[in-house]
Amino acid sequence: MKLIYPLLAILLLALVAYFGAAAGLEYLFGVIIPYISIVLFLGGFSWKIYDWVKSPVPFRIPTTCGQAKSLEWIKRDELESPSGFWGVFGRMSLEVLFFRSLFRNTKAELAPGPSLAYASSKWLWMAGLLFHWSLLVIVLRHYRFFLASVPGFVELLESVDGFLQITLPTLYITDLLLVIAVTFLLIRRLASAQMRIISLSTDYFPLLLILAIALSGISMRYLDKVDVVEIKILVQGLVSFQFDAPGKIGGMFYVHLFLVCVLASYFPFSKLMHMGGIFLSPTRNLANNSREKRHINPWNPEVKFRTYAEYEDEFREKMVKADLPTEVPLPEEKE
C-alpha cells in the first residue's frame, strides 16, 4: 500500500489535469496553478533555508575519516578532514557533483556461516549520478522556452544530448537515462525486503511523480504531438507576467505542466530539500580546526569555578593531617 497510494494519487492528478483542460480550464492549469506553485516553491524553499541558517552551530562537527591537521611533519588529508576553506570547498564539490560519499558506500549482509560480509553499492551510486545529471541537463534544455532566441549553451547541450539521432524527432539520451535511473531506484526499494520495511509513501511519491513527468514529456515529443509554438508563447507570457489566456496546446501538455507544478509545490516540504540542505549541513561545510581554535558555546551559562590553588588554600591543613602532598607547605613547616 505504500506504493499503491502514491501511484493512485499521481494517476488522479494526471486525469484531473487532462480532463480539466478538455473541459475548458486551460487558464486554471496554464496560468493560475503555475503561479501558485512558483510562490509555494520559492516561499517554502526560502523559509526552509532561513530556518536552517538561523540554527546555531557553535562547535565544529564535521564528519571526518582522515588525518586532521596537526604537526607539520604529519601528513594530513585535506579532503577527509579539511582544515580550511579550500579543503571544505573541494570536499563539498566532490560531494555535490559526483556523490563521493555514496561512491564509497558499502552494504553489510549476513553470509552463511554466519559471517558478516561487506559489498560495494556502486550501482546505487551510478543510478543516483545518472538521475541527477540527466535531470539537470533536461531542465537546462527547457530554457529554450523562456527566451525568444535559443541560447548557445542550450543548442550545444541539445546537440550533445541527441548525438545518436536514431529517431525522428531526435532521441535525447538524458530522457532515456532519467527513466532508467528512476526505474532502478523504484525497483531497488521494491526488490529488497529491508528497503521495503524502511520505505514510506513519501519515498515512493517523488520517484513516481518524476517518472510521470518524464513519461508525459516523452509522450508529447514522440506520441501525442503538441503545438510547441503555443507552449513557448505561454511560457514567455508567464515569465513576463502578461496573464494571457493560453492557446490550444493539447491535454498531455497540461498533464505535464500540472505534474511539474505539483512537484514544485511539494519540493520544499519533502526530502527533496536535500538539494539545499547539503550546503548547510555542518557535518560537511565545516573545517575540522578544533585543534587550532577553541570553539565555545555562546549560550552556555557562566560557570563559577575555582583553581587548585584556591582549593588547596581551603583544605591544606586537612590534607597535611591526612598525609596528602601539598604544593604549598603550612606556615609552621616553612619555619
C-alpha atoms as a PDB file:
ATOM      1  CA  MET A   1       0.000   0.000   0.000  1.00  0.00           C
ATOM      2  CA  LYS A   2       2.962   2.312   0.450  1.00  0.00           C
ATOM      3  CA  LEU A   3       3.357   2.191  -3.332  1.00  0.00           C
ATOM      4  CA  ILE A   4      -0.302   1.934  -4.359  1.00  0.00           C
ATOM      5  CA  TYR A   5      -1.452   5.154  -2.671  1.00  0.00           C
ATOM      6  CA  PRO A   6       1.185   7.410  -4.304  1.00  0.00           C
ATOM      7  CA  LEU A   7       0.582   5.721  -7.669  1.00  0.00           C
ATOM      8  CA  LEU A   8      -3.173   6.284  -7.449  1.00  0.00           C
ATOM      9  CA  ALA A   9      -2.625   9.886  -6.354  1.00  0.00           C
ATOM     10  CA  ILE A  10      -0.436  10.633  -9.376  1.00  0.00           C
ATOM     11  CA  LEU A  11      -2.873   8.948 -11.774  1.00  0.00           C
ATOM     12  CA  LEU A  12      -5.692  11.006 -10.270  1.00  0.00           C
ATOM     13  CA  LEU A  13      -3.686  14.235 -10.642  1.00  0.00           C
ATOM     14  CA  ALA A  14      -2.927  13.419 -14.276  1.00  0.00           C
ATOM     15  CA  LEU A  15      -6.588  12.690 -15.031  1.00  0.00           C
ATOM     16  CA  VAL A  16      -7.700  15.903 -13.319  1.00  0.00           C
ATOM     17  CA  ALA A  17      -5.339  17.960 -15.481  1.00  0.00           C
ATOM     18  CA  TYR A  18      -6.215  16.132 -18.706  1.00  0.00           C
ATOM     19  CA  PHE A  19      -9.982  16.318 -18.364  1.00  0.00           C
ATOM     20  CA  GLY A  20      -9.816  19.759 -16.747  1.00  0.00           C
ATOM     21  CA  ALA A  21      -8.037  21.147 -19.799  1.00  0.00           C
ATOM     22  CA  ALA A  22     -10.514  19.344 -22.074  1.00  0.00           C
ATOM     23  CA  ALA A  23     -13.373  20.996 -20.146  1.00  0.00           C
ATOM     24  CA  GLY A  24     -12.047  24.480 -20.910  1.00  0.00           C
ATOM     25  CA  LEU A  25      -9.974  25.109 -17.768  1.00  0.00           C
ATOM     26  CA  GLU A  26      -6.756  25.886 -19.663  1.00  0.00           C
ATOM     27  CA  TYR A  27      -6.370  29.223 -17.854  1.00  0.00           C
ATOM     28  CA  LEU A  28      -6.517  27.497 -14.474  1.00  0.00           C
ATOM     29  CA  PHE A  29      -3.938  24.835 -15.345  1.00  0.00           C
ATOM     30  CA  GLY A  30      -1.847  27.024 -17.634  1.00  0.00           C
ATOM     31  CA  VAL A  31      -1.639  30.297 -15.668  1.00  0.00           C
ATOM     32  CA  ILE A  32      -3.101  30.277 -12.152  1.00  0.00           C
ATOM     33  CA  ILE A  33      -1.707  26.958 -10.884  1.00  0.00           C
ATOM     34  CA  PRO A  34       1.838  27.608 -12.237  1.00  0.00           C
ATOM     35  CA  TYR A  35       1.979  30.945 -10.416  1.00  0.00           C
ATOM     36  CA  ILE A  36       0.724  29.345  -7.185  1.00  0.00           C
ATOM     37  CA  SER A  37       3.312  26.581  -7.445  1.00  0.00           C
ATOM     38  CA  ILE A  38       6.123  29.094  -8.033  1.00  0.00           C
ATOM     39  CA  VAL A  39       5.088  31.066  -4.928  1.00  0.00           C
ATOM     40  CA  LEU A  40       4.921  27.884  -2.858  1.00  0.00           C
ATOM     41  CA  PHE A  41       8.291  26.719  -4.140  1.00  0.00           C
ATOM     42  CA  LEU A  42      10.136  29.990  -3.611  1.00  0.00           C
ATOM     43  CA  GLY A  43       8.432  30.753  -0.303  1.00  0.00           C
ATOM     44  CA  GLY A  44       8.841  27.249   1.105  1.00  0.00           C
ATOM     45  CA  PHE A  45      12.414  26.912  -0.105  1.00  0.00           C
ATOM     46  CA  SER A  46      13.408  30.305   1.330  1.00  0.00           C
ATOM     47  CA  TRP A  47      11.723  29.617   4.666  1.00  0.00           C
ATOM     48  CA  LYS A  48      13.405  26.236   4.957  1.00  0.00           C
ATOM     49  CA  ILE A  49      16.820  27.709   4.213  1.00  0.00           C
ATOM     50  CA  TYR A  50      16.194  30.559   6.668  1.00  0.00           C
ATOM     51  CA  ASP A  51      15.191  28.080   9.375  1.00  0.00           C
ATOM     52  CA  TRP A  52      18.392  26.118   8.825  1.00  0.00           C
ATOM     53  CA  VAL A  53      20.610  29.192   8.633  1.00  0.00           C
ATOM     54  CA  LYS A  54      19.394  30.583  11.953  1.00  0.00           C
ATOM     55  CA  SER A  55      20.147  27.299  13.740  1.00  0.00           C
ATOM     56  CA  PRO A  56      23.344  27.954  15.722  1.00  0.00           C
ATOM     57  CA  VAL A  57      26.298  25.621  15.273  1.00  0.00           C
ATOM     58  CA  PRO A  58      28.836  26.686  17.914  1.00  0.00           C
ATOM     59  CA  PHE A  59      31.005  23.583  17.651  1.00  0.00           C
ATOM     60  CA  ARG A  60      32.804  22.010  14.752  1.00  0.00           C
ATOM     61  CA  ILE A  61      31.120  18.684  13.980  1.00  0.00           C
ATOM     62  CA  PRO A  62      32.370  17.726  10.505  1.00  0.00           C
ATOM     63  CA  THR A  63      32.285  14.086   9.520  1.00  0.00           C
ATOM     64  CA  THR A  64      35.926  13.059   9.170  1.00  0.00           C
ATOM     65  CA  CYS A  65      37.712   9.839   8.380  1.00  0.00           C
ATOM     66  CA  GLY A  66      41.244  11.037   7.738  1.00  0.00           C
ATOM     67  CA  GLN A  67      44.220  12.613   9.468  1.00  0.00           C
ATOM     68  CA  ALA A  68      43.456  16.127  10.685  1.00  0.00           C
ATOM     69  CA  LYS A  69      45.945  18.968  10.517  1.00  0.00           C
ATOM     70  CA  SER A  70      48.441  18.521  13.316  1.00  0.00           C
ATOM     71  CA  LEU A  71      52.222  18.818  13.438  1.00  0.00           C
ATOM     72  CA  GLU A  72      53.905  19.957  10.245  1.00  0.00           C
ATOM     73  CA  TRP A  73      55.730  16.660   9.746  1.00  0.00           C
ATOM     74  CA  ILE A  74      52.487  14.632   9.966  1.00  0.00           C
ATOM     75  CA  LYS A  75      50.802  14.248   6.587  1.00  0.00           C
ATOM     76  CA  ARG A  76      47.181  15.400   6.697  1.00  0.00           C
ATOM     77  CA  ASP A  77      44.194  14.599   4.489  1.00  0.00           C
ATOM     78  CA  GLU A  78      42.576  17.852   3.355  1.00  0.00           C
ATOM     79  CA  LEU A  79      39.577  16.205   1.707  1.00  0.00           C
ATOM     80  CA  GLU A  80      38.730  13.787   4.506  1.00  0.00           C
ATOM     81  CA  SER A  81      39.499  16.238   7.296  1.00  0.00           C
ATOM     82  CA  PRO A  82      39.681  19.759   5.823  1.00  0.00           C
ATOM     83  CA  SER A  83      41.389  22.397   7.912  1.00  0.00           C
ATOM     84  CA  GLY A  84      40.390  25.455   5.871  1.00  0.00           C
ATOM     85  CA  PHE A  85      38.084  26.910   3.237  1.00  0.00           C
ATOM     86  CA  TRP A  86      39.647  25.300   0.172  1.00  0.00           C
ATOM     87  CA  GLY A  87      39.617  21.861   1.752  1.00  0.00           C
ATOM     88  CA  VAL A  88      35.919  22.261   2.547  1.00  0.00           C
ATOM     89  CA  PHE A  89      35.286  23.603  -0.972  1.00  0.00           C
ATOM     90  CA  GLY A  90      36.977  20.615  -2.585  1.00  0.00           C
ATOM     91  CA  ARG A  91      35.209  18.137  -0.364  1.00  0.00           C
ATOM     92  CA  MET A  92      31.813  19.766  -0.905  1.00  0.00           C
ATOM     93  CA  SER A  93      32.341  19.994  -4.669  1.00  0.00           C
ATOM     94  CA  LEU A  94      33.102  16.284  -4.941  1.00  0.00           C
ATOM     95  CA  GLU A  95      30.055  15.524  -2.813  1.00  0.00           C
ATOM     96  CA  VAL A  96      27.635  17.719  -4.769  1.00  0.00           C
ATOM     97  CA  LEU A  97      28.892  16.989  -8.276  1.00  0.00           C
ATOM     98  CA  PHE A  98      29.977  13.345  -8.019  1.00  0.00           C
ATOM     99  CA  PHE A  99      28.333  11.962  -4.815  1.00  0.00           C
ATOM    100  CA  ARG A 100      31.682  11.000  -3.318  1.00  0.00           C
ATOM    101  CA  SER A 101      30.306   9.545  -0.074  1.00  0.00           C
ATOM    102  CA  LEU A 102      27.750   7.445  -1.974  1.00  0.00           C
ATOM    103  CA  PHE A 103      30.524   6.156  -4.254  1.00  0.00           C
ATOM    104  CA  ARG A 104      32.365   4.787  -1.222  1.00  0.00           C
ATOM    105  CA  ASN A 105      29.198   3.433   0.363  1.00  0.00           C
ATOM    106  CA  THR A 106      29.176  -0.246   1.284  1.00  0.00           C
ATOM    107  CA  LYS A 107      26.429  -2.582   2.391  1.00  0.00           C
ATOM    108  CA  ALA A 108      26.716  -5.259   5.065  1.00  0.00           C
ATOM    109  CA  GLU A 109      24.998  -8.633   4.736  1.00  0.00           C
ATOM    110  CA  LEU A 110      24.952 -11.831   6.755  1.00  0.00           C
ATOM    111  CA  ALA A 111      26.510 -14.643   4.747  1.00  0.00           C
ATOM    112  CA  PRO A 112      26.208 -18.394   5.502  1.00  0.00           C
ATOM    113  CA  GLY A 113      28.349 -19.348   8.388  1.00  0.00           C
ATOM    114  CA  PRO A 114      27.170 -16.975   9.765  1.00  0.00           C
ATOM    115  CA  SER A 115      29.616 -14.245   8.860  1.00  0.00           C
ATOM    116  CA  LEU A 116      29.285 -10.572   8.106  1.00  0.00           C
ATOM    117  CA  ALA A 117      30.181  -9.683   4.527  1.00  0.00           C
ATOM    118  CA  TYR A 118      30.654  -6.228   3.049  1.00  0.00           C
ATOM    119  CA  ALA A 119      29.852  -5.449  -0.583  1.00  0.00           C
ATOM    120  CA  SER A 120      30.014  -2.402  -2.818  1.00  0.00           C
ATOM    121  CA  SER A 121      26.942  -0.329  -3.768  1.00  0.00           C
ATOM    122  CA  LYS A 122      28.272   1.148  -6.998  1.00  0.00           C
ATOM    123  CA  TRP A 123      25.016   0.523  -8.885  1.00  0.00           C
ATOM    124  CA  LEU A 124      23.189   2.818  -6.466  1.00  0.00           C
ATOM    125  CA  TRP A 125      25.858   5.471  -6.937  1.00  0.00           C
ATOM    126  CA  MET A 126      25.642   5.177 -10.718  1.00  0.00           C
ATOM    127  CA  ALA A 127      21.847   5.393 -10.740  1.00  0.00           C
ATOM    128  CA  GLY A 128      21.887   8.436  -8.462  1.00  0.00           C
ATOM    129  CA  LEU A 129      24.523  10.154 -10.576  1.00  0.00           C
ATOM    130  CA  LEU A 130      22.676   9.487 -13.849  1.00  0.00           C
ATOM    131  CA  PHE A 131      19.390  10.590 -12.337  1.00  0.00           C
ATOM    132  CA  HIS A 132      20.600  13.946 -11.044  1.00  0.00           C
ATOM    133  CA  TRP A 133      22.805  14.852 -14.010  1.00  0.00           C
ATOM    134  CA  SER A 134      20.153  13.832 -16.549  1.00  0.00           C
ATOM    135  CA  LEU A 135      17.548  15.871 -14.704  1.00  0.00           C
ATOM    136  CA  LEU A 136      19.868  18.882 -14.683  1.00  0.00           C
ATOM    137  CA  VAL A 137      20.502  18.650 -18.438  1.00  0.00           C
ATOM    138  CA  ILE A 138      16.768  18.289 -19.144  1.00  0.00           C
ATOM    139  CA  VAL A 139      15.973  21.371 -17.051  1.00  0.00           C
ATOM    140  CA  LEU A 140      18.656  23.367 -18.871  1.00  0.00           C
ATOM    141  CA  ARG A 141      17.326  22.205 -22.246  1.00  0.00           C
ATOM    142  CA  HIS A 142      13.897  23.567 -21.310  1.00  0.00           C
ATOM    143  CA  TYR A 143      15.490  27.001 -21.032  1.00  0.00           C
ATOM    144  CA  ARG A 144      14.775  27.421 -24.776  1.00  0.00           C
ATOM    145  CA  PHE A 145      11.107  28.056 -23.937  1.00  0.00           C
ATOM    146  CA  PHE A 146      11.868  31.026 -21.698  1.00  0.00           C
ATOM    147  CA  LEU A 147      13.657  33.218 -24.248  1.00  0.00           C
ATOM    148  CA  ALA A 148      12.796  34.333 -27.772  1.00  0.00           C
ATOM    149  CA  SER A 149      16.204  33.297 -29.127  1.00  0.00           C
ATOM    150  CA  VAL A 150      17.709  29.978 -28.067  1.00  0.00           C
ATOM    151  CA  PRO A 151      20.944  30.484 -26.059  1.00  0.00           C
ATOM    152  CA  GLY A 152      24.104  28.949 -27.451  1.00  0.00           C
ATOM    153  CA  PHE A 153      24.725  26.663 -24.493  1.00  0.00           C
ATOM    154  CA  VAL A 154      21.230  25.173 -24.904  1.00  0.00           C
ATOM    155  CA  GLU A 155      21.918  24.378 -28.560  1.00  0.00           C
ATOM    156  CA  LEU A 156      25.221  22.797 -27.534  1.00  0.00           C
ATOM    157  CA  LEU A 157      23.509  20.663 -24.890  1.00  0.00           C
ATOM    158  CA  GLU A 158      20.886  19.548 -27.391  1.00  0.00           C
ATOM    159  CA  SER A 159      23.453  18.610 -29.994  1.00  0.00           C
ATOM    160  CA  VAL A 160      25.491  16.579 -27.499  1.00  0.00           C
ATOM    161  CA  ASP A 161      22.411  15.047 -25.881  1.00  0.00           C
ATOM    162  CA  GLY A 162      20.951  13.975 -29.225  1.00  0.00           C
ATOM    163  CA  PHE A 163      24.150  12.958 -30.999  1.00  0.00           C
ATOM    164  CA  LEU A 164      22.846   9.437 -31.747  1.00  0.00           C
ATOM    165  CA  GLN A 165      19.975  10.756 -33.931  1.00  0.00           C
ATOM    166  CA  ILE A 166      18.319   7.348 -34.017  1.00  0.00           C
ATOM    167  CA  THR A 167      14.709   8.576 -34.079  1.00  0.00           C
ATOM    168  CA  LEU A 168      12.675  11.397 -35.539  1.00  0.00           C
ATOM    169  CA  PRO A 169      12.334  13.648 -33.577  1.00  0.00           C
ATOM    170  CA  THR A 170      15.838  13.115 -32.213  1.00  0.00           C
ATOM    171  CA  LEU A 171      16.046  10.904 -29.174  1.00  0.00           C
ATOM    172  CA  TYR A 172      17.695  12.671 -26.255  1.00  0.00           C
ATOM    173  CA  ILE A 173      19.936  10.367 -24.237  1.00  0.00           C
ATOM    174  CA  THR A 174      19.099  12.100 -20.960  1.00  0.00           C
ATOM    175  CA  ASP A 175      15.394  11.314 -21.403  1.00  0.00           C
ATOM    176  CA  LEU A 176      16.194   7.627 -21.625  1.00  0.00           C
ATOM    177  CA  LEU A 177      18.742   7.720 -18.790  1.00  0.00           C
ATOM    178  CA  LEU A 178      16.340   9.541 -16.476  1.00  0.00           C
ATOM    179  CA  VAL A 179      13.627   6.928 -16.959  1.00  0.00           C
ATOM    180  CA  ILE A 180      16.118   4.076 -16.467  1.00  0.00           C
ATOM    181  CA  ALA A 181      17.611   5.634 -13.324  1.00  0.00           C
ATOM    182  CA  VAL A 182      14.246   6.360 -11.663  1.00  0.00           C
ATOM    183  CA  THR A 183      13.004   2.871 -12.555  1.00  0.00           C
ATOM    184  CA  PHE A 184      16.114   1.357 -10.985  1.00  0.00           C
ATOM    185  CA  LEU A 185      15.616   3.359  -7.783  1.00  0.00           C
ATOM    186  CA  LEU A 186      11.995   2.186  -7.601  1.00  0.00           C
ATOM    187  CA  ILE A 187      12.854  -1.463  -8.248  1.00  0.00           C
ATOM    188  CA  ARG A 188      15.620  -1.273  -5.646  1.00  0.00           C
ATOM    189  CA  ARG A 189      13.098  -0.241  -2.995  1.00  0.00           C
ATOM    190  CA  LEU A 190      10.681  -2.984  -4.036  1.00  0.00           C
ATOM    191  CA  ALA A 191      13.153  -5.830  -4.513  1.00  0.00           C
ATOM    192  CA  SER A 192      14.858  -5.557  -1.126  1.00  0.00           C
ATOM    193  CA  ALA A 193      12.920  -6.612   1.958  1.00  0.00           C
ATOM    194  CA  GLN A 194      14.982  -4.250   4.124  1.00  0.00           C
ATOM    195  CA  MET A 195      14.245  -1.315   1.823  1.00  0.00           C
ATOM    196  CA  ARG A 196      10.524  -2.131   1.725  1.00  0.00           C
ATOM    197  CA  ILE A 197      10.370  -2.051   5.520  1.00  0.00           C
ATOM    198  CA  ILE A 198      12.006   1.351   5.922  1.00  0.00           C
ATOM    199  CA  SER A 199      10.394   2.941   2.835  1.00  0.00           C
ATOM    200  CA  LEU A 200       7.395   5.209   3.289  1.00  0.00           C
ATOM    201  CA  SER A 201       4.820   6.550   0.867  1.00  0.00           C
ATOM    202  CA  THR A 202       6.775   9.805   0.899  1.00  0.00           C
ATOM    203  CA  ASP A 203       9.748   7.897  -0.533  1.00  0.00           C
ATOM    204  CA  TYR A 204       7.757   6.469  -3.447  1.00  0.00           C
ATOM    205  CA  PHE A 205       5.727   9.580  -4.265  1.00  0.00           C
ATOM    206  CA  PRO A 206       8.542  11.836  -5.591  1.00  0.00           C
ATOM    207  CA  LEU A 207      10.068   8.995  -7.612  1.00  0.00           C
ATOM    208  CA  LEU A 208       6.733   8.136  -9.211  1.00  0.00           C
ATOM    209  CA  LEU A 209       5.983  11.828  -9.765  1.00  0.00           C
ATOM    210  CA  ILE A 210       9.299  12.471 -11.530  1.00  0.00           C
ATOM    211  CA  LEU A 211       8.803   9.318 -13.597  1.00  0.00           C
ATOM    212  CA  ALA A 212       5.321  10.508 -14.605  1.00  0.00           C
ATOM    213  CA  ILE A 213       6.707  13.922 -15.572  1.00  0.00           C
ATOM    214  CA  ALA A 214       9.405  12.289 -17.697  1.00  0.00           C
ATOM    215  CA  LEU A 215       6.973   9.904 -19.404  1.00  0.00           C
ATOM    216  CA  SER A 216       4.467  12.677 -20.133  1.00  0.00           C
ATOM    217  CA  GLY A 217       7.252  14.800 -21.629  1.00  0.00           C
ATOM    218  CA  ILE A 218       8.451  11.893 -23.777  1.00  0.00           C
ATOM    219  CA  SER A 219       4.864  11.251 -24.840  1.00  0.00           C
ATOM    220  CA  MET A 220       4.490  14.850 -26.017  1.00  0.00           C
ATOM    221  CA  ARG A 221       7.669  14.590 -28.071  1.00  0.00           C
ATOM    222  CA  TYR A 222       7.158  11.210 -29.739  1.00  0.00           C
ATOM    223  CA  LEU A 223       3.477  10.187 -29.436  1.00  0.00           C
ATOM    224  CA  ASP A 224       0.924  12.864 -28.554  1.00  0.00           C
ATOM    225  CA  LYS A 225       2.093  15.863 -30.587  1.00  0.00           C
ATOM    226  CA  VAL A 226       1.533  19.351 -29.159  1.00  0.00           C
ATOM    227  CA  ASP A 227       1.956  22.864 -30.515  1.00  0.00           C
ATOM    228  CA  VAL A 228       5.472  23.871 -29.450  1.00  0.00           C
ATOM    229  CA  VAL A 229       4.986  27.464 -30.634  1.00  0.00           C
ATOM    230  CA  GLU A 230       1.958  27.909 -28.349  1.00  0.00           C
ATOM    231  CA  ILE A 231       3.917  26.394 -25.467  1.00  0.00           C
ATOM    232  CA  LYS A 232       6.705  28.927 -25.936  1.00  0.00           C
ATOM    233  CA  ILE A 233       4.201  31.786 -26.095  1.00  0.00           C
ATOM    234  CA  LEU A 234       2.597  30.571 -22.879  1.00  0.00           C
ATOM    235  CA  VAL A 235       5.900  30.182 -21.014  1.00  0.00           C
ATOM    236  CA  GLN A 236       7.188  33.580 -22.113  1.00  0.00           C
ATOM    237  CA  GLY A 237       3.879  35.103 -21.056  1.00  0.00           C
ATOM    238  CA  LEU A 238       4.249  33.537 -17.604  1.00  0.00           C
ATOM    239  CA  VAL A 239       7.804  34.831 -17.275  1.00  0.00           C
ATOM    240  CA  SER A 240       6.782  38.374 -18.304  1.00  0.00           C
ATOM    241  CA  PHE A 241       3.613  38.333 -16.111  1.00  0.00           C
ATOM    242  CA  GLN A 242       1.246  39.005 -19.030  1.00  0.00           C
ATOM    243  CA  PHE A 243      -1.507  36.696 -17.685  1.00  0.00           C
ATOM    244  CA  ASP A 244      -2.703  35.948 -21.217  1.00  0.00           C
ATOM    245  CA  ALA A 245      -5.009  33.017 -21.813  1.00  0.00           C
ATOM    246  CA  PRO A 246      -3.146  30.035 -23.309  1.00  0.00           C
ATOM    247  CA  GLY A 247      -3.918  28.840 -26.790  1.00  0.00           C
ATOM    248  CA  LYS A 248      -4.901  25.360 -27.871  1.00  0.00           C
ATOM    249  CA  ILE A 249      -1.942  23.196 -26.967  1.00  0.00           C
ATOM    250  CA  GLY A 250      -3.082  19.690 -26.046  1.00  0.00           C
ATOM    251  CA  GLY A 251      -4.205  17.778 -22.982  1.00  0.00           C
ATOM    252  CA  MET A 252      -0.890  15.965 -22.453  1.00  0.00           C
ATOM    253  CA  PHE A 253       0.913  19.287 -22.074  1.00  0.00           C
ATOM    254  CA  TYR A 254      -1.357  20.315 -19.222  1.00  0.00           C
ATOM    255  CA  VAL A 255      -0.769  16.943 -17.569  1.00  0.00           C
ATOM    256  CA  HIS A 256       2.977  17.525 -17.850  1.00  0.00           C
ATOM    257  CA  LEU A 257       2.751  21.112 -16.617  1.00  0.00           C
ATOM    258  CA  PHE A 258       0.411  20.264 -13.741  1.00  0.00           C
ATOM    259  CA  LEU A 259       2.652  17.445 -12.512  1.00  0.00           C
ATOM    260  CA  VAL A 260       5.633  19.814 -12.654  1.00  0.00           C
ATOM    261  CA  CYS A 261       3.631  22.318 -10.574  1.00  0.00           C
ATOM    262  CA  VAL A 262       2.789  19.585  -8.063  1.00  0.00           C
ATOM    263  CA  LEU A 263       6.473  18.672  -7.804  1.00  0.00           C
ATOM    264  CA  ALA A 264       7.468  22.331  -7.320  1.00  0.00           C
ATOM    265  CA  SER A 265       4.826  22.810  -4.606  1.00  0.00           C
ATOM    266  CA  TYR A 266       5.764  19.562  -2.875  1.00  0.00           C
ATOM    267  CA  PHE A 267       9.525  20.134  -3.100  1.00  0.00           C
ATOM    268  CA  PRO A 268      10.168  22.435  -0.087  1.00  0.00           C
ATOM    269  CA  PHE A 269       8.170  20.233   2.277  1.00  0.00           C
ATOM    270  CA  SER A 270       9.758  16.911   1.362  1.00  0.00           C
ATOM    271  CA  LYS A 271      13.042  15.047   1.479  1.00  0.00           C
ATOM    272  CA  LEU A 272      13.875  16.627  -1.866  1.00  0.00           C
ATOM    273  CA  MET A 273      15.100  19.645   0.114  1.00  0.00           C
ATOM    274  CA  HIS A 274      18.416  17.845   0.467  1.00  0.00           C
ATOM    275  CA  MET A 275      19.272  19.859  -2.654  1.00  0.00           C
ATOM    276  CA  GLY A 276      19.610  22.955  -0.476  1.00  0.00           C
ATOM    277  CA  GLY A 277      20.345  21.220   2.808  1.00  0.00           C
ATOM    278  CA  ILE A 278      23.598  19.661   1.611  1.00  0.00           C
ATOM    279  CA  PHE A 279      25.208  23.104   1.524  1.00  0.00           C
ATOM    280  CA  LEU A 280      24.094  23.884   5.087  1.00  0.00           C
ATOM    281  CA  SER A 281      24.991  20.570   6.675  1.00  0.00           C
ATOM    282  CA  PRO A 282      27.519  21.223   9.474  1.00  0.00           C
ATOM    283  CA  THR A 283      28.921  17.732   9.011  1.00  0.00           C
ATOM    284  CA  ARG A 284      30.013  18.759   5.511  1.00  0.00           C
ATOM    285  CA  ASN A 285      30.530  22.533   5.361  1.00  0.00           C
ATOM    286  CA  LEU A 286      32.755  22.994   8.418  1.00  0.00           C
ATOM    287  CA  ALA A 287      36.519  22.793   8.641  1.00  0.00           C
ATOM    288  CA  ASN A 288      37.996  20.484  11.263  1.00  0.00           C
ATOM    289  CA  ASN A 289      40.089  23.128  13.038  1.00  0.00           C
ATOM    290  CA  SER A 290      39.267  22.358  16.669  1.00  0.00           C
ATOM    291  CA  ARG A 291      42.985  21.851  17.377  1.00  0.00           C
ATOM    292  CA  GLU A 292      43.772  25.363  16.162  1.00  0.00           C
ATOM    293  CA  LYS A 293      40.796  27.265  17.546  1.00  0.00           C
ATOM    294  CA  ARG A 294      38.737  26.809  20.675  1.00  0.00           C
ATOM    295  CA  HIS A 295      35.003  26.854  19.949  1.00  0.00           C
ATOM    296  CA  ILE A 296      32.858  27.947  22.898  1.00  0.00           C
ATOM    297  CA  ASN A 297      29.114  27.522  23.087  1.00  0.00           C
ATOM    298  CA  PRO A 298      27.824  31.139  23.300  1.00  0.00           C
ATOM    299  CA  TRP A 299      24.621  30.329  25.195  1.00  0.00           C
ATOM    300  CA  ASN A 300      26.164  28.220  27.949  1.00  0.00           C
ATOM    301  CA  PRO A 301      25.603  29.772  31.415  1.00  0.00           C
ATOM    302  CA  GLU A 302      28.667  31.171  33.090  1.00  0.00           C
ATOM    303  CA  VAL A 303      30.207  28.542  35.345  1.00  0.00           C
ATOM    304  CA  LYS A 304      31.827  29.631  38.592  1.00  0.00           C
ATOM    305  CA  PHE A 305      34.949  27.591  39.236  1.00  0.00           C
ATOM    306  CA  ARG A 306      37.983  27.728  41.459  1.00  0.00           C
ATOM    307  CA  THR A 307      41.579  26.826  40.801  1.00  0.00           C
ATOM    308  CA  TYR A 308      43.524  24.088  42.503  1.00  0.00           C
ATOM    309  CA  ALA A 309      45.490  26.717  44.416  1.00  0.00           C
ATOM    310  CA  GLU A 310      42.247  28.059  45.897  1.00  0.00           C
ATOM    311  CA  TYR A 311      41.139  24.522  46.719  1.00  0.00           C
ATOM    312  CA  GLU A 312      44.434  23.783  48.499  1.00  0.00           C
ATOM    313  CA  ASP A 313      44.290  27.037  50.474  1.00  0.00           C
ATOM    314  CA  GLU A 314      40.934  25.917  51.879  1.00  0.00           C
ATOM    315  CA  PHE A 315      41.835  22.320  52.700  1.00  0.00           C
ATOM    316  CA  ARG A 316      45.633  22.477  53.238  1.00  0.00           C
ATOM    317  CA  GLU A 317      45.574  21.680  56.944  1.00  0.00           C
ATOM    318  CA  LYS A 318      43.305  18.687  56.466  1.00  0.00           C
ATOM    319  CA  MET A 319      45.467  17.467  53.572  1.00  0.00           C
ATOM    320  CA  VAL A 320      48.604  17.668  55.708  1.00  0.00           C
ATOM    321  CA  LYS A 321      46.916  15.760  58.554  1.00  0.00           C
ATOM    322  CA  ALA A 322      45.879  13.097  56.058  1.00  0.00           C
ATOM    323  CA  ASP A 323      49.473  12.912  54.754  1.00  0.00           C
ATOM    324  CA  LEU A 324      48.429  14.165  51.333  1.00  0.00           C
ATOM    325  CA  PRO A 325      51.043  16.109  49.345  1.00  0.00           C
ATOM    326  CA  THR A 326      50.557  19.845  49.009  1.00  0.00           C
ATOM    327  CA  GLU A 327      52.197  22.286  46.667  1.00  0.00           C
ATOM    328  CA  VAL A 328      52.480  24.964  49.394  1.00  0.00           C
ATOM    329  CA  PRO A 329      53.514  23.845  52.914  1.00  0.00           C
ATOM    330  CA  LEU A 330      51.879  25.084  56.110  1.00  0.00           C
ATOM    331  CA  PRO A 331      53.376  28.255  57.694  1.00  0.00           C
ATOM    332  CA  GLU A 332      54.991  26.327  60.581  1.00  0.00           C
ATOM    333  CA  GLU A 333      56.567  23.931  58.076  1.00  0.00           C
ATOM    334  CA  LYS A 334      58.190  26.887  56.293  1.00  0.00           C
ATOM    335  CA  GLU A 335      59.966  27.900  59.535  1.00  0.00           C
END
